[in-house]
Amino acid sequence: MVKKAPRRTAERILEVTLELFNRFGEPNVSTTLISAEMNISPGNLYYHYPAKDELINSLFDRYERSLSELLNASDGVRDVEDAWFFMHSLFELIWQYRFLYRDLNDLLSKNRRLETHFQWVLKNKTRSIKAMLDGMARSGALTIDSREVEATATSMVVVLTYWLSYEYVRDPRRALEPENAQLALLRGAHHVLNLLVPYLEQGQRMHLLGLVSAYSQPAA
């Protein structure tokens, strides 16, 4: 039996760093803590990532690549069912890299690269949402005046971007714990899509309410 090659140290460092950033918040995690968590020397960590910003940038690069792939899927959204799945997928990715959103303003103030790239993230989220609205309009799932598309898409992106911050403020001690993830993501998807209610075709509106109701019920 062929043994699997051990994961490269650089990859393991990123995985551990992401876990610690998500658990404690990036400002509260030092490179000393990361090396101690991995049981490696600080010198070994610095060999792969000479500065903490390099860890942050590497994790952001991963997030950005995954986000780009996911946003491209907006072209295939045709109805509420598709939109629900698309939004939930976006929230799952945001949750996976939630430290970026939890500490967003602090990170942007300290990291010029993130400052410029997050502007790209917002633009591409907006572009993707507009593509979703266009697909749903063409399929008859919603009717929206072209003059309302930009503002509606922007409002959806604002909720999408700051939802986890809202969850954290609402319940700082528990909101970002893994056991609360599913409900937080479902609430986020619900409130983003709720912005479309005035434009949805009646059957689609009822379907959205049904999805929200079904997913909000506790497991038997």
N, C-alpha and C. Protein backbone atom coordinates (compact mmCIF):
# COMPACT_ATOMS: atom_id res chain seq x y z
N MET A 1 0.84 -1.19 0.00
CA MET A 1 0.00 0.00 0.00
C MET A 1 0.88 1.25 0.00
N VAL A 2 0.61 2.16 -0.94
CA VAL A 2 1.41 3.37 -1.06
C VAL A 2 0.94 4.39 -0.03
N LYS A 3 1.87 4.90 0.75
CA LYS A 3 1.53 5.90 1.74
C LYS A 3 1.34 7.26 1.08
N LYS A 4 0.37 8.00 1.59
CA LYS A 4 0.15 9.35 1.09
C LYS A 4 1.29 10.25 1.58
N ALA A 5 1.71 11.14 0.70
CA ALA A 5 2.75 12.09 1.10
C ALA A 5 2.19 13.04 2.15
N PRO A 6 2.96 13.37 3.14
CA PRO A 6 2.46 14.31 4.16
C PRO A 6 2.18 15.67 3.53
N ARG A 7 1.18 16.35 4.08
CA ARG A 7 0.87 17.68 3.58
C ARG A 7 2.06 18.60 3.79
N ARG A 8 2.31 19.43 2.82
CA ARG A 8 3.42 20.36 2.92
C ARG A 8 3.21 21.29 4.12
N THR A 9 4.30 21.64 4.76
CA THR A 9 4.23 22.47 5.95
C THR A 9 3.52 23.79 5.66
N ALA A 10 3.80 24.39 4.52
CA ALA A 10 3.18 25.68 4.18
C ALA A 10 1.66 25.56 4.14
N GLU A 11 1.16 24.45 3.60
CA GLU A 11 -0.29 24.25 3.52
C GLU A 11 -0.87 24.05 4.92
N ARG A 12 -0.19 23.28 5.73
CA ARG A 12 -0.68 23.05 7.09
C ARG A 12 -0.69 24.34 7.90
N ILE A 13 0.31 25.18 7.68
CA ILE A 13 0.34 26.47 8.38
C ILE A 13 -0.89 27.29 8.02
N LEU A 14 -1.24 27.32 6.75
CA LEU A 14 -2.42 28.09 6.33
C LEU A 14 -3.70 27.52 6.95
N GLU A 15 -3.82 26.21 6.99
CA GLU A 15 -5.02 25.59 7.55
C GLU A 15 -5.16 25.93 9.04
N VAL A 16 -4.07 25.82 9.78
CA VAL A 16 -4.10 26.11 11.21
C VAL A 16 -4.36 27.60 11.43
N THR A 17 -3.73 28.44 10.62
CA THR A 17 -3.93 29.89 10.75
C THR A 17 -5.38 30.27 10.50
N LEU A 18 -5.99 29.68 9.47
CA LEU A 18 -7.39 29.97 9.18
C LEU A 18 -8.28 29.57 10.35
N GLU A 19 -8.02 28.42 10.91
CA GLU A 19 -8.81 27.96 12.06
C GLU A 19 -8.67 28.91 13.25
N LEU A 20 -7.45 29.34 13.53
CA LEU A 20 -7.22 30.24 14.65
C LEU A 20 -7.81 31.63 14.40
N PHE A 21 -7.62 32.15 13.19
CA PHE A 21 -8.20 33.45 12.84
C PHE A 21 -9.72 33.42 12.99
N ASN A 22 -10.33 32.34 12.49
CA ASN A 22 -11.79 32.23 12.57
C ASN A 22 -12.27 32.11 14.02
N ARG A 23 -11.49 31.41 14.83
CA ARG A 23 -11.92 31.15 16.20
C ARG A 23 -11.74 32.37 17.10
N PHE A 24 -10.60 33.04 16.96
CA PHE A 24 -10.27 34.11 17.90
C PHE A 24 -10.28 35.52 17.29
N GLY A 25 -10.33 35.59 15.97
CA GLY A 25 -10.20 36.88 15.30
C GLY A 25 -8.75 37.17 14.98
N GLU A 26 -8.49 37.65 13.77
CA GLU A 26 -7.11 37.87 13.32
C GLU A 26 -6.28 38.75 14.25
N PRO A 27 -6.83 39.86 14.80
CA PRO A 27 -6.00 40.71 15.66
C PRO A 27 -5.52 40.01 16.93
N ASN A 28 -6.21 38.95 17.33
CA ASN A 28 -5.89 38.26 18.58
C ASN A 28 -4.99 37.04 18.39
N VAL A 29 -4.55 36.82 17.16
CA VAL A 29 -3.71 35.64 16.87
C VAL A 29 -2.33 36.10 16.42
N SER A 30 -1.32 35.73 17.16
CA SER A 30 0.05 36.09 16.81
C SER A 30 0.72 34.94 16.07
N THR A 31 1.82 35.23 15.41
CA THR A 31 2.58 34.17 14.76
C THR A 31 3.16 33.22 15.80
N THR A 32 3.43 33.71 16.99
CA THR A 32 3.91 32.85 18.08
C THR A 32 2.84 31.81 18.44
N LEU A 33 1.59 32.25 18.51
CA LEU A 33 0.49 31.33 18.81
C LEU A 33 0.34 30.29 17.71
N ILE A 34 0.47 30.73 16.46
CA ILE A 34 0.34 29.80 15.33
C ILE A 34 1.42 28.73 15.38
N SER A 35 2.65 29.14 15.60
CA SER A 35 3.75 28.16 15.65
C SER A 35 3.59 27.23 16.84
N ALA A 36 3.12 27.75 17.98
CA ALA A 36 2.90 26.90 19.15
C ALA A 36 1.79 25.90 18.89
N GLU A 37 0.72 26.35 18.22
CA GLU A 37 -0.40 25.45 17.91
C GLU A 37 0.05 24.31 17.00
N MET A 38 1.01 24.59 16.12
CA MET A 38 1.50 23.58 15.18
C MET A 38 2.67 22.79 15.74
N ASN A 39 3.17 23.23 16.91
CA ASN A 39 4.34 22.59 17.52
C ASN A 39 5.56 22.66 16.58
N ILE A 40 5.74 23.84 15.98
CA ILE A 40 6.93 24.09 15.17
C ILE A 40 7.61 25.35 15.72
N SER A 41 8.83 25.57 15.34
CA SER A 41 9.55 26.75 15.81
C SER A 41 9.08 27.99 15.06
N PRO A 42 9.15 29.16 15.69
CA PRO A 42 8.83 30.40 14.97
C PRO A 42 9.67 30.56 13.71
N GLY A 43 10.92 30.11 13.77
CA GLY A 43 11.80 30.20 12.60
C GLY A 43 11.26 29.40 11.42
N ASN A 44 10.70 28.23 11.73
CA ASN A 44 10.11 27.40 10.67
C ASN A 44 8.92 28.11 10.03
N LEU A 45 8.10 28.75 10.88
CA LEU A 45 6.96 29.50 10.36
C LEU A 45 7.44 30.66 9.49
N TYR A 46 8.42 31.41 9.97
CA TYR A 46 8.92 32.57 9.24
C TYR A 46 9.57 32.17 7.92
N TYR A 47 10.12 30.96 7.87
CA TYR A 47 10.73 30.48 6.62
C TYR A 47 9.68 30.44 5.51
N HIS A 48 8.46 30.01 5.86
CA HIS A 48 7.40 29.91 4.86
C HIS A 48 6.63 31.22 4.70
N TYR A 49 6.41 31.92 5.82
CA TYR A 49 5.65 33.17 5.80
C TYR A 49 6.37 34.19 6.69
N PRO A 50 7.25 35.00 6.10
CA PRO A 50 8.09 35.91 6.89
C PRO A 50 7.33 36.98 7.66
N ALA A 51 6.07 37.22 7.30
CA ALA A 51 5.29 38.24 8.01
C ALA A 51 3.84 37.77 8.11
N LYS A 52 3.15 38.27 9.13
CA LYS A 52 1.76 37.89 9.33
C LYS A 52 0.89 38.29 8.14
N ASP A 53 1.19 39.43 7.53
CA ASP A 53 0.43 39.86 6.36
C ASP A 53 0.50 38.85 5.22
N GLU A 54 1.60 38.12 5.13
CA GLU A 54 1.71 37.11 4.07
C GLU A 54 0.75 35.95 4.32
N LEU A 55 0.52 35.61 5.58
CA LEU A 55 -0.48 34.61 5.91
C LEU A 55 -1.88 35.11 5.53
N ILE A 56 -2.17 36.34 5.89
CA ILE A 56 -3.48 36.93 5.58
C ILE A 56 -3.68 36.99 4.07
N ASN A 57 -2.68 37.45 3.34
CA ASN A 57 -2.81 37.57 1.89
C ASN A 57 -2.97 36.21 1.22
N SER A 58 -2.26 35.20 1.71
CA SER A 58 -2.37 33.87 1.13
C SER A 58 -3.77 33.29 1.34
N LEU A 59 -4.33 33.51 2.54
CA LEU A 59 -5.69 33.04 2.81
C LEU A 59 -6.70 33.83 1.97
N PHE A 60 -6.47 35.12 1.82
CA PHE A 60 -7.37 35.91 1.00
C PHE A 60 -7.31 35.47 -0.45
N ASP A 61 -6.13 35.13 -0.96
CA ASP A 61 -6.00 34.63 -2.33
C ASP A 61 -6.85 33.38 -2.54
N ARG A 62 -6.81 32.49 -1.56
CA ARG A 62 -7.64 31.28 -1.63
C ARG A 62 -9.12 31.64 -1.69
N TYR A 63 -9.51 32.55 -0.81
CA TYR A 63 -10.90 32.98 -0.77
C TYR A 63 -11.31 33.62 -2.09
N GLU A 64 -10.46 34.47 -2.62
CA GLU A 64 -10.77 35.21 -3.84
C GLU A 64 -10.95 34.25 -5.02
N ARG A 65 -10.09 33.24 -5.11
CA ARG A 65 -10.22 32.26 -6.21
C ARG A 65 -11.54 31.49 -6.10
N SER A 66 -11.86 31.03 -4.90
CA SER A 66 -13.11 30.29 -4.70
C SER A 66 -14.32 31.18 -4.97
N LEU A 67 -14.24 32.44 -4.55
CA LEU A 67 -15.35 33.35 -4.76
C LEU A 67 -15.57 33.61 -6.24
N SER A 68 -14.48 33.79 -7.00
CA SER A 68 -14.62 34.03 -8.44
C SER A 68 -15.34 32.88 -9.13
N GLU A 69 -14.97 31.66 -8.78
CA GLU A 69 -15.63 30.50 -9.37
C GLU A 69 -17.10 30.46 -9.01
N LEU A 70 -17.41 30.76 -7.77
CA LEU A 70 -18.79 30.70 -7.31
C LEU A 70 -19.64 31.80 -7.93
N LEU A 71 -19.11 33.01 -8.02
CA LEU A 71 -19.88 34.11 -8.58
C LEU A 71 -20.24 33.87 -10.04
N ASN A 72 -19.40 33.14 -10.75
CA ASN A 72 -19.70 32.82 -12.15
C ASN A 72 -20.97 31.99 -12.29
N ALA A 73 -21.35 31.29 -11.21
CA ALA A 73 -22.54 30.44 -11.26
C ALA A 73 -23.83 31.26 -11.25
N SER A 74 -23.74 32.56 -10.99
CA SER A 74 -24.95 33.38 -10.95
C SER A 74 -25.66 33.42 -12.30
N ASP A 75 -24.91 33.20 -13.39
CA ASP A 75 -25.52 33.20 -14.72
C ASP A 75 -26.55 32.09 -14.88
N GLY A 76 -26.45 31.06 -14.06
CA GLY A 76 -27.37 29.93 -14.18
C GLY A 76 -28.58 30.01 -13.28
N VAL A 77 -28.71 31.09 -12.49
CA VAL A 77 -29.85 31.23 -11.58
C VAL A 77 -31.08 31.66 -12.38
N ARG A 78 -32.15 30.88 -12.24
CA ARG A 78 -33.37 31.17 -13.00
C ARG A 78 -34.60 31.36 -12.12
N ASP A 79 -34.56 30.88 -10.88
CA ASP A 79 -35.74 30.98 -10.02
C ASP A 79 -35.32 31.04 -8.56
N VAL A 80 -36.30 31.08 -7.67
CA VAL A 80 -36.04 31.19 -6.24
C VAL A 80 -35.23 30.01 -5.72
N GLU A 81 -35.52 28.83 -6.20
CA GLU A 81 -34.79 27.63 -5.76
C GLU A 81 -33.30 27.77 -6.07
N ASP A 82 -33.00 28.19 -7.32
CA ASP A 82 -31.61 28.41 -7.71
C ASP A 82 -30.97 29.51 -6.86
N ALA A 83 -31.72 30.60 -6.66
CA ALA A 83 -31.20 31.74 -5.91
C ALA A 83 -30.91 31.36 -4.47
N TRP A 84 -31.79 30.55 -3.88
CA TRP A 84 -31.58 30.10 -2.50
C TRP A 84 -30.30 29.30 -2.38
N PHE A 85 -30.08 28.38 -3.30
CA PHE A 85 -28.87 27.55 -3.28
C PHE A 85 -27.63 28.42 -3.51
N PHE A 86 -27.73 29.35 -4.45
CA PHE A 86 -26.60 30.23 -4.76
C PHE A 86 -26.22 31.08 -3.55
N MET A 87 -27.22 31.69 -2.91
CA MET A 87 -26.94 32.53 -1.75
C MET A 87 -26.37 31.72 -0.59
N HIS A 88 -26.94 30.55 -0.38
CA HIS A 88 -26.43 29.72 0.72
C HIS A 88 -24.98 29.31 0.45
N SER A 89 -24.65 29.03 -0.82
CA SER A 89 -23.27 28.68 -1.17
C SER A 89 -22.34 29.86 -0.90
N LEU A 90 -22.79 31.07 -1.22
CA LEU A 90 -21.98 32.26 -0.95
C LEU A 90 -21.75 32.42 0.55
N PHE A 91 -22.80 32.23 1.33
CA PHE A 91 -22.65 32.37 2.78
C PHE A 91 -21.75 31.28 3.35
N GLU A 92 -21.80 30.08 2.80
CA GLU A 92 -20.92 29.02 3.28
C GLU A 92 -19.46 29.38 3.04
N LEU A 93 -19.18 29.98 1.87
CA LEU A 93 -17.80 30.39 1.58
C LEU A 93 -17.38 31.53 2.51
N ILE A 94 -18.27 32.49 2.72
CA ILE A 94 -17.98 33.58 3.65
C ILE A 94 -17.72 33.03 5.05
N TRP A 95 -18.52 32.04 5.45
CA TRP A 95 -18.32 31.44 6.78
C TRP A 95 -16.97 30.74 6.86
N GLN A 96 -16.57 30.10 5.80
CA GLN A 96 -15.29 29.39 5.79
C GLN A 96 -14.13 30.36 6.03
N TYR A 97 -14.27 31.60 5.54
CA TYR A 97 -13.24 32.62 5.72
C TYR A 97 -13.81 33.78 6.53
N ARG A 98 -14.53 33.47 7.58
CA ARG A 98 -15.29 34.49 8.30
C ARG A 98 -14.41 35.51 9.01
N PHE A 99 -13.15 35.19 9.29
CA PHE A 99 -12.29 36.17 9.94
C PHE A 99 -12.15 37.43 9.08
N LEU A 100 -12.20 37.26 7.74
CA LEU A 100 -12.10 38.42 6.85
C LEU A 100 -13.25 39.38 7.08
N TYR A 101 -14.43 38.83 7.32
CA TYR A 101 -15.62 39.66 7.49
C TYR A 101 -15.79 40.12 8.94
N ARG A 102 -15.39 39.27 9.85
CA ARG A 102 -15.47 39.64 11.27
C ARG A 102 -14.58 40.84 11.57
N ASP A 103 -13.41 40.88 10.98
CA ASP A 103 -12.43 41.92 11.27
C ASP A 103 -12.18 42.79 10.03
N LEU A 104 -13.18 42.95 9.18
CA LEU A 104 -12.99 43.55 7.86
C LEU A 104 -12.41 44.96 7.94
N ASN A 105 -13.05 45.85 8.70
CA ASN A 105 -12.58 47.23 8.73
C ASN A 105 -11.15 47.33 9.26
N ASP A 106 -10.84 46.55 10.28
CA ASP A 106 -9.50 46.55 10.85
C ASP A 106 -8.48 46.05 9.82
N LEU A 107 -8.82 44.97 9.11
CA LEU A 107 -7.91 44.42 8.12
C LEU A 107 -7.66 45.40 6.98
N LEU A 108 -8.72 46.05 6.52
CA LEU A 108 -8.58 46.99 5.41
C LEU A 108 -7.73 48.20 5.79
N SER A 109 -7.83 48.61 7.05
CA SER A 109 -7.06 49.78 7.49
C SER A 109 -5.57 49.47 7.60
N LYS A 110 -5.22 48.19 7.73
CA LYS A 110 -3.81 47.81 7.93
C LYS A 110 -3.17 47.19 6.69
N ASN A 111 -3.98 46.73 5.74
CA ASN A 111 -3.43 45.95 4.63
C ASN A 111 -3.89 46.56 3.31
N ARG A 112 -2.97 47.23 2.64
CA ARG A 112 -3.30 47.94 1.40
C ARG A 112 -3.77 46.97 0.31
N ARG A 113 -3.18 45.80 0.27
CA ARG A 113 -3.56 44.83 -0.75
C ARG A 113 -5.01 44.41 -0.58
N LEU A 114 -5.40 44.12 0.65
CA LEU A 114 -6.80 43.75 0.91
C LEU A 114 -7.73 44.92 0.62
N GLU A 115 -7.28 46.12 0.93
CA GLU A 115 -8.11 47.30 0.69
C GLU A 115 -8.49 47.39 -0.78
N THR A 116 -7.51 47.22 -1.66
CA THR A 116 -7.80 47.34 -3.09
C THR A 116 -8.54 46.11 -3.62
N HIS A 117 -8.18 44.94 -3.15
CA HIS A 117 -8.82 43.73 -3.66
C HIS A 117 -10.25 43.58 -3.17
N PHE A 118 -10.55 44.07 -1.98
CA PHE A 118 -11.92 43.96 -1.51
C PHE A 118 -12.86 44.87 -2.28
N GLN A 119 -12.33 45.94 -2.86
CA GLN A 119 -13.13 46.75 -3.77
C GLN A 119 -13.53 45.92 -4.99
N TRP A 120 -12.60 45.10 -5.46
CA TRP A 120 -12.90 44.19 -6.56
C TRP A 120 -13.96 43.19 -6.13
N VAL A 121 -13.84 42.66 -4.91
CA VAL A 121 -14.82 41.69 -4.40
C VAL A 121 -16.22 42.30 -4.42
N LEU A 122 -16.36 43.52 -3.93
CA LEU A 122 -17.67 44.17 -3.91
C LEU A 122 -18.22 44.38 -5.32
N LYS A 123 -17.37 44.82 -6.23
CA LYS A 123 -17.81 45.04 -7.61
C LYS A 123 -18.28 43.73 -8.25
N ASN A 124 -17.55 42.66 -8.00
CA ASN A 124 -17.90 41.39 -8.62
C ASN A 124 -19.11 40.74 -7.96
N LYS A 125 -19.28 40.96 -6.67
CA LYS A 125 -20.52 40.50 -6.03
C LYS A 125 -21.71 41.22 -6.65
N THR A 126 -21.59 42.52 -6.84
CA THR A 126 -22.68 43.30 -7.42
C THR A 126 -22.96 42.86 -8.85
N ARG A 127 -21.90 42.68 -9.63
CA ARG A 127 -22.08 42.20 -11.01
C ARG A 127 -22.80 40.86 -11.03
N SER A 128 -22.41 39.98 -10.11
CA SER A 128 -22.99 38.64 -10.05
C SER A 128 -24.47 38.70 -9.67
N ILE A 129 -24.81 39.54 -8.70
CA ILE A 129 -26.21 39.67 -8.28
C ILE A 129 -27.05 40.25 -9.41
N LYS A 130 -26.51 41.20 -10.14
CA LYS A 130 -27.24 41.77 -11.28
C LYS A 130 -27.47 40.72 -12.36
N ALA A 131 -26.48 39.84 -12.57
CA ALA A 131 -26.66 38.75 -13.52
C ALA A 131 -27.75 37.79 -13.05
N MET A 132 -27.80 37.54 -11.74
CA MET A 132 -28.84 36.69 -11.17
C MET A 132 -30.22 37.30 -11.38
N LEU A 133 -30.34 38.60 -11.12
CA LEU A 133 -31.62 39.28 -11.30
C LEU A 133 -32.05 39.24 -12.77
N ASP A 134 -31.10 39.42 -13.65
CA ASP A 134 -31.40 39.38 -15.08
C ASP A 134 -31.90 38.00 -15.50
N GLY A 135 -31.24 36.95 -15.01
CA GLY A 135 -31.67 35.59 -15.34
C GLY A 135 -33.05 35.28 -14.80
N MET A 136 -33.33 35.72 -13.58
CA MET A 136 -34.65 35.48 -12.99
C MET A 136 -35.73 36.28 -13.71
N ALA A 137 -35.39 37.49 -14.16
CA ALA A 137 -36.36 38.29 -14.91
C ALA A 137 -36.67 37.65 -16.25
N ARG A 138 -35.64 37.17 -16.94
CA ARG A 138 -35.85 36.55 -18.25
C ARG A 138 -36.67 35.27 -18.16
N SER A 139 -36.57 34.58 -17.03
CA SER A 139 -37.33 33.34 -16.87
C SER A 139 -38.74 33.59 -16.33
N GLY A 140 -39.05 34.85 -15.98
CA GLY A 140 -40.37 35.18 -15.48
C GLY A 140 -40.54 35.00 -13.99
N ALA A 141 -39.44 34.72 -13.27
CA ALA A 141 -39.54 34.52 -11.82
C ALA A 141 -39.76 35.84 -11.09
N LEU A 142 -39.31 36.94 -11.68
CA LEU A 142 -39.53 38.25 -11.06
C LEU A 142 -39.68 39.31 -12.14
N THR A 143 -40.25 40.42 -11.73
CA THR A 143 -40.39 41.58 -12.61
C THR A 143 -39.82 42.78 -11.88
N ILE A 144 -38.81 43.41 -12.45
CA ILE A 144 -38.16 44.53 -11.79
C ILE A 144 -37.83 45.60 -12.82
N ASP A 145 -38.10 46.83 -12.49
CA ASP A 145 -37.77 47.97 -13.35
C ASP A 145 -36.25 48.07 -13.47
N SER A 146 -35.75 48.28 -14.66
CA SER A 146 -34.30 48.36 -14.87
C SER A 146 -33.66 49.44 -14.01
N ARG A 147 -34.45 50.47 -13.65
CA ARG A 147 -33.92 51.55 -12.83
C ARG A 147 -33.74 51.14 -11.37
N GLU A 148 -34.31 50.01 -10.99
CA GLU A 148 -34.20 49.54 -9.60
C GLU A 148 -33.14 48.46 -9.42
N VAL A 149 -32.60 47.97 -10.52
CA VAL A 149 -31.68 46.83 -10.44
C VAL A 149 -30.41 47.19 -9.66
N GLU A 150 -29.80 48.32 -9.98
CA GLU A 150 -28.53 48.69 -9.34
C GLU A 150 -28.69 48.82 -7.83
N ALA A 151 -29.72 49.56 -7.40
CA ALA A 151 -29.93 49.77 -5.96
C ALA A 151 -30.27 48.46 -5.25
N THR A 152 -31.08 47.62 -5.90
CA THR A 152 -31.45 46.34 -5.29
C THR A 152 -30.23 45.44 -5.15
N ALA A 153 -29.43 45.37 -6.21
CA ALA A 153 -28.22 44.54 -6.17
C ALA A 153 -27.25 45.04 -5.10
N THR A 154 -27.11 46.36 -4.99
CA THR A 154 -26.22 46.92 -3.98
C THR A 154 -26.71 46.60 -2.57
N SER A 155 -28.01 46.73 -2.35
CA SER A 155 -28.57 46.40 -1.03
C SER A 155 -28.33 44.94 -0.68
N MET A 156 -28.47 44.06 -1.66
CA MET A 156 -28.23 42.64 -1.42
C MET A 156 -26.77 42.37 -1.07
N VAL A 157 -25.86 43.07 -1.75
CA VAL A 157 -24.43 42.90 -1.47
C VAL A 157 -24.09 43.42 -0.08
N VAL A 158 -24.71 44.52 0.33
CA VAL A 158 -24.46 45.05 1.67
C VAL A 158 -24.86 44.03 2.74
N VAL A 159 -26.04 43.44 2.59
CA VAL A 159 -26.48 42.44 3.57
C VAL A 159 -25.57 41.22 3.52
N LEU A 160 -25.21 40.80 2.31
CA LEU A 160 -24.34 39.64 2.14
C LEU A 160 -22.98 39.87 2.80
N THR A 161 -22.46 41.07 2.67
CA THR A 161 -21.11 41.39 3.18
C THR A 161 -21.09 41.57 4.68
N TYR A 162 -22.15 42.16 5.25
CA TYR A 162 -22.12 42.50 6.68
C TYR A 162 -23.03 41.64 7.54
N TRP A 163 -23.58 40.57 6.97
CA TRP A 163 -24.48 39.75 7.75
C TRP A 163 -23.81 39.14 8.98
N LEU A 164 -22.62 38.60 8.81
CA LEU A 164 -21.95 37.96 9.95
C LEU A 164 -21.59 38.99 11.03
N SER A 165 -21.30 40.21 10.62
CA SER A 165 -21.07 41.26 11.62
C SER A 165 -22.33 41.50 12.43
N TYR A 166 -23.46 41.52 11.75
CA TYR A 166 -24.73 41.69 12.45
C TYR A 166 -24.97 40.54 13.42
N GLU A 167 -24.73 39.31 12.96
CA GLU A 167 -24.91 38.14 13.82
C GLU A 167 -24.00 38.25 15.05
N TYR A 168 -22.78 38.71 14.83
CA TYR A 168 -21.83 38.81 15.94
C TYR A 168 -22.27 39.85 16.96
N VAL A 169 -22.73 41.01 16.49
CA VAL A 169 -23.20 42.05 17.40
C VAL A 169 -24.43 41.58 18.16
N ARG A 170 -25.28 40.83 17.49
CA ARG A 170 -26.52 40.35 18.10
C ARG A 170 -26.24 39.36 19.23
N ASP A 171 -25.19 38.55 19.07
CA ASP A 171 -24.88 37.53 20.07
C ASP A 171 -23.37 37.26 20.06
N PRO A 172 -22.57 38.19 20.64
CA PRO A 172 -21.11 38.12 20.52
C PRO A 172 -20.49 36.82 21.03
N ARG A 173 -21.08 36.22 22.05
CA ARG A 173 -20.45 35.04 22.65
C ARG A 173 -20.68 33.76 21.87
N ARG A 174 -21.75 33.72 21.07
CA ARG A 174 -22.10 32.45 20.43
C ARG A 174 -22.27 32.51 18.91
N ALA A 175 -22.45 33.70 18.37
CA ALA A 175 -22.88 33.81 16.97
C ALA A 175 -21.92 33.14 15.99
N LEU A 176 -20.61 33.26 16.21
CA LEU A 176 -19.65 32.75 15.24
C LEU A 176 -19.05 31.41 15.64
N GLU A 177 -19.71 30.73 16.58
CA GLU A 177 -19.28 29.38 16.93
C GLU A 177 -19.80 28.38 15.88
N PRO A 178 -19.03 27.34 15.57
CA PRO A 178 -19.41 26.40 14.51
C PRO A 178 -20.81 25.80 14.66
N GLU A 179 -21.24 25.54 15.90
CA GLU A 179 -22.54 24.91 16.09
C GLU A 179 -23.69 25.84 15.71
N ASN A 180 -23.42 27.13 15.58
CA ASN A 180 -24.46 28.08 15.21
C ASN A 180 -24.39 28.48 13.74
N ALA A 181 -23.45 27.88 13.02
CA ALA A 181 -23.21 28.29 11.63
C ALA A 181 -24.43 28.13 10.75
N GLN A 182 -25.05 26.95 10.79
CA GLN A 182 -26.12 26.66 9.84
C GLN A 182 -27.27 27.66 9.95
N LEU A 183 -27.71 27.93 11.16
CA LEU A 183 -28.81 28.87 11.32
C LEU A 183 -28.41 30.28 10.91
N ALA A 184 -27.19 30.67 11.20
CA ALA A 184 -26.71 32.00 10.80
C ALA A 184 -26.71 32.14 9.29
N LEU A 185 -26.27 31.09 8.59
CA LEU A 185 -26.23 31.14 7.13
C LEU A 185 -27.63 31.16 6.54
N LEU A 186 -28.52 30.38 7.12
CA LEU A 186 -29.91 30.35 6.62
C LEU A 186 -30.59 31.70 6.83
N ARG A 187 -30.35 32.30 7.98
CA ARG A 187 -30.93 33.62 8.22
C ARG A 187 -30.38 34.63 7.22
N GLY A 188 -29.10 34.54 6.94
CA GLY A 188 -28.50 35.45 5.97
C GLY A 188 -29.10 35.29 4.59
N ALA A 189 -29.19 34.05 4.11
CA ALA A 189 -29.78 33.80 2.80
C ALA A 189 -31.21 34.31 2.74
N HIS A 190 -31.95 34.08 3.82
CA HIS A 190 -33.34 34.54 3.88
C HIS A 190 -33.43 36.05 3.74
N HIS A 191 -32.63 36.78 4.50
CA HIS A 191 -32.75 38.23 4.51
C HIS A 191 -32.23 38.87 3.22
N VAL A 192 -31.24 38.25 2.59
CA VAL A 192 -30.81 38.77 1.28
C VAL A 192 -31.92 38.59 0.26
N LEU A 193 -32.48 37.39 0.19
CA LEU A 193 -33.52 37.12 -0.81
C LEU A 193 -34.83 37.81 -0.47
N ASN A 194 -35.03 38.14 0.79
CA ASN A 194 -36.25 38.85 1.17
C ASN A 194 -36.35 40.22 0.48
N LEU A 195 -35.21 40.76 0.09
CA LEU A 195 -35.20 42.03 -0.63
C LEU A 195 -35.85 41.91 -2.01
N LEU A 196 -36.01 40.68 -2.51
CA LEU A 196 -36.63 40.46 -3.81
C LEU A 196 -38.14 40.25 -3.73
N VAL A 197 -38.67 40.11 -2.54
CA VAL A 197 -40.09 39.79 -2.38
C VAL A 197 -41.01 40.72 -3.17
N PRO A 198 -40.79 42.04 -3.18
CA PRO A 198 -41.70 42.91 -3.93
C PRO A 198 -41.70 42.65 -5.43
N TYR A 199 -40.67 41.99 -5.93
CA TYR A 199 -40.53 41.80 -7.37
C TYR A 199 -40.87 40.38 -7.83
N LEU A 200 -40.99 39.47 -6.88
CA LEU A 200 -41.19 38.06 -7.25
C LEU A 200 -42.59 37.79 -7.76
N GLU A 201 -42.67 36.91 -8.73
CA GLU A 201 -43.95 36.38 -9.18
C GLU A 201 -44.60 35.65 -8.01
N GLN A 202 -45.93 35.66 -7.94
CA GLN A 202 -46.65 35.16 -6.76
C GLN A 202 -46.23 33.75 -6.37
N GLY A 203 -46.14 32.87 -7.34
CA GLY A 203 -45.75 31.49 -7.04
C GLY A 203 -44.33 31.42 -6.49
N GLN A 204 -43.45 32.24 -7.03
CA GLN A 204 -42.06 32.28 -6.55
C GLN A 204 -41.99 32.86 -5.14
N ARG A 205 -42.83 33.84 -4.86
CA ARG A 205 -42.86 34.42 -3.52
C ARG A 205 -43.30 33.38 -2.50
N MET A 206 -44.30 32.62 -2.84
CA MET A 206 -44.78 31.58 -1.93
C MET A 206 -43.73 30.48 -1.77
N HIS A 207 -43.01 30.20 -2.83
CA HIS A 207 -41.96 29.18 -2.76
C HIS A 207 -40.84 29.63 -1.82
N LEU A 208 -40.47 30.93 -1.89
CA LEU A 208 -39.45 31.45 -0.98
C LEU A 208 -39.90 31.33 0.46
N LEU A 209 -41.15 31.69 0.73
CA LEU A 209 -41.67 31.57 2.09
C LEU A 209 -41.65 30.12 2.55
N GLY A 210 -41.95 29.21 1.64
CA GLY A 210 -41.91 27.79 1.96
C GLY A 210 -40.51 27.31 2.28
N LEU A 211 -39.52 27.78 1.51
CA LEU A 211 -38.13 27.40 1.76
C LEU A 211 -37.67 27.90 3.13
N VAL A 212 -38.00 29.15 3.41
CA VAL A 212 -37.61 29.73 4.70
C VAL A 212 -38.23 28.94 5.85
N SER A 213 -39.51 28.63 5.70
CA SER A 213 -40.23 27.89 6.75
C SER A 213 -39.63 26.51 6.95
N ALA A 214 -39.34 25.81 5.84
CA ALA A 214 -38.82 24.45 5.91
C ALA A 214 -37.44 24.42 6.57
N TYR A 215 -36.58 25.34 6.19
CA TYR A 215 -35.23 25.33 6.71
C TYR A 215 -35.12 25.91 8.11
N SER A 216 -36.17 26.63 8.53
CA SER A 216 -36.15 27.23 9.87
C SER A 216 -36.62 26.27 10.94
N GLN A 217 -37.28 25.18 10.51
CA GLN A 217 -37.79 24.24 11.48
C GLN A 217 -36.65 23.42 12.07
N PRO A 218 -36.61 23.21 13.38
CA PRO A 218 -35.56 22.37 13.98
C PRO A 218 -35.71 20.94 13.52
N ALA A 219 -34.59 20.24 13.40
CA ALA A 219 -34.63 18.83 12.99
C ALA A 219 -35.39 17.99 13.99
N ALA A 220 -36.15 17.04 13.47
CA ALA A 220 -36.97 16.18 14.36
C ALA A 220 -36.07 15.19 15.08
